[in-house]
Amino acid sequence: MKWYWWLLVAVFIILGASTLIPAPASKPNMFGYYSHCSFTPISTVICFIIAGACYWLGKRKAAKKTQ
């Protein structure tokens, strides 16, 4: 798998985790505390799904290249 696929996976995992970090905000998230994103559980899952899709695509492209 190429390095840029790993970079994309790492970026989206970090972005997903950063939505959970408590921070001052205008309104609480769906868990009830103030964080970077008001839609914390949804945005976290979306970021992790995108990271999984990037991993899957990278593995798929690498497997096609070796065939």
C-alpha atoms as a PDB file:
ATOM      1  CA  MET A   1       0.000   0.000   0.000  1.00  0.00           C
ATOM      2  CA  LYS A   2       1.349   3.421  -0.953  1.00  0.00           C
ATOM      3  CA  TRP A   3       2.347   5.956   1.689  1.00  0.00           C
ATOM      4  CA  TYR A   4      -0.389   8.431   0.759  1.00  0.00           C
ATOM      5  CA  TRP A   5      -3.116   5.905   1.602  1.00  0.00           C
ATOM      6  CA  TRP A   6      -1.566   5.469   5.056  1.00  0.00           C
ATOM      7  CA  LEU A   7      -1.395   9.256   5.381  1.00  0.00           C
ATOM      8  CA  LEU A   8      -5.099   9.584   4.557  1.00  0.00           C
ATOM      9  CA  VAL A   9      -5.986   6.869   7.070  1.00  0.00           C
ATOM     10  CA  ALA A  10      -3.925   8.565   9.792  1.00  0.00           C
ATOM     11  CA  VAL A  11      -5.391  12.015   9.033  1.00  0.00           C
ATOM     12  CA  PHE A  12      -8.994  10.828   9.251  1.00  0.00           C
ATOM     13  CA  ILE A  13      -8.354   8.852  12.441  1.00  0.00           C
ATOM     14  CA  ILE A  14      -6.769  11.939  14.025  1.00  0.00           C
ATOM     15  CA  LEU A  15      -9.649  14.125  12.828  1.00  0.00           C
ATOM     16  CA  GLY A  16     -12.184  11.654  14.207  1.00  0.00           C
ATOM     17  CA  ALA A  17     -10.430  11.518  17.555  1.00  0.00           C
ATOM     18  CA  SER A  18     -10.109  15.305  17.695  1.00  0.00           C
ATOM     19  CA  THR A  19     -13.889  15.698  17.524  1.00  0.00           C
ATOM     20  CA  LEU A  20     -14.090  13.975  20.914  1.00  0.00           C
ATOM     21  CA  ILE A  21     -11.701  16.359  22.698  1.00  0.00           C
ATOM     22  CA  PRO A  22     -13.444  18.683  25.154  1.00  0.00           C
ATOM     23  CA  ALA A  23     -13.236  22.333  24.138  1.00  0.00           C
ATOM     24  CA  PRO A  24     -15.184  25.544  24.607  1.00  0.00           C
ATOM     25  CA  ALA A  25     -18.124  25.638  22.222  1.00  0.00           C
ATOM     26  CA  SER A  26     -21.436  27.412  21.776  1.00  0.00           C
ATOM     27  CA  LYS A  27     -23.546  24.332  22.540  1.00  0.00           C
ATOM     28  CA  PRO A  28     -22.990  20.837  23.932  1.00  0.00           C
ATOM     29  CA  ASN A  29     -22.653  17.837  21.650  1.00  0.00           C
ATOM     30  CA  MET A  30     -24.976  14.825  21.592  1.00  0.00           C
ATOM     31  CA  PHE A  31     -23.083  13.243  24.506  1.00  0.00           C
ATOM     32  CA  GLY A  32     -23.828  16.295  26.650  1.00  0.00           C
ATOM     33  CA  TYR A  33     -20.397  17.910  26.955  1.00  0.00           C
ATOM     34  CA  TYR A  34     -18.754  20.741  25.036  1.00  0.00           C
ATOM     35  CA  SER A  35     -16.296  19.613  22.372  1.00  0.00           C
ATOM     36  CA  HIS A  36     -14.772  20.707  19.054  1.00  0.00           C
ATOM     37  CA  CYS A  37     -17.793  19.456  17.128  1.00  0.00           C
ATOM     38  CA  SER A  38     -21.450  19.695  18.134  1.00  0.00           C
ATOM     39  CA  PHE A  39     -22.218  16.525  16.172  1.00  0.00           C
ATOM     40  CA  THR A  40     -19.535  14.479  17.914  1.00  0.00           C
ATOM     41  CA  PRO A  41     -20.779  10.899  17.665  1.00  0.00           C
ATOM     42  CA  ILE A  42     -21.884  11.341  14.061  1.00  0.00           C
ATOM     43  CA  SER A  43     -18.783  13.202  12.862  1.00  0.00           C
ATOM     44  CA  THR A  44     -16.481  10.753  14.648  1.00  0.00           C
ATOM     45  CA  VAL A  45     -18.127   7.766  12.988  1.00  0.00           C
ATOM     46  CA  ILE A  46     -18.041   9.492   9.589  1.00  0.00           C
ATOM     47  CA  CYS A  47     -14.299  10.196   9.942  1.00  0.00           C
ATOM     48  CA  PHE A  48     -13.620   6.598  10.983  1.00  0.00           C
ATOM     49  CA  ILE A  49     -15.681   5.281   8.051  1.00  0.00           C
ATOM     50  CA  ILE A  50     -13.708   7.476   5.645  1.00  0.00           C
ATOM     51  CA  ALA A  51     -10.457   6.195   7.199  1.00  0.00           C
ATOM     52  CA  GLY A  52     -11.683   2.617   6.715  1.00  0.00           C
ATOM     53  CA  ALA A  53     -12.645   3.358   3.112  1.00  0.00           C
ATOM     54  CA  CYS A  54      -9.197   4.835   2.421  1.00  0.00           C
ATOM     55  CA  TYR A  55      -7.560   1.765   3.937  1.00  0.00           C
ATOM     56  CA  TRP A  56      -9.776  -0.554   1.893  1.00  0.00           C
ATOM     57  CA  LEU A  57      -9.148   1.363  -1.337  1.00  0.00           C
ATOM     58  CA  GLY A  58      -5.403   1.401  -0.717  1.00  0.00           C
ATOM     59  CA  LYS A  59      -5.327  -2.342  -0.100  1.00  0.00           C
ATOM     60  CA  ARG A  60      -7.504  -2.950  -3.156  1.00  0.00           C
ATOM     61  CA  LYS A  61      -5.271  -0.870  -5.427  1.00  0.00           C
ATOM     62  CA  ALA A  62      -2.156  -2.590  -4.050  1.00  0.00           C
ATOM     63  CA  ALA A  63      -3.680  -6.025  -4.650  1.00  0.00           C
ATOM     64  CA  LYS A  64      -4.636  -5.128  -8.238  1.00  0.00           C
ATOM     65  CA  LYS A  65      -1.130  -3.855  -8.911  1.00  0.00           C
ATOM     66  CA  THR A  66       0.509  -7.129  -7.821  1.00  0.00           C
ATOM     67  CA  GLN A  67      -1.754  -9.278  -9.999  1.00  0.00           C
END
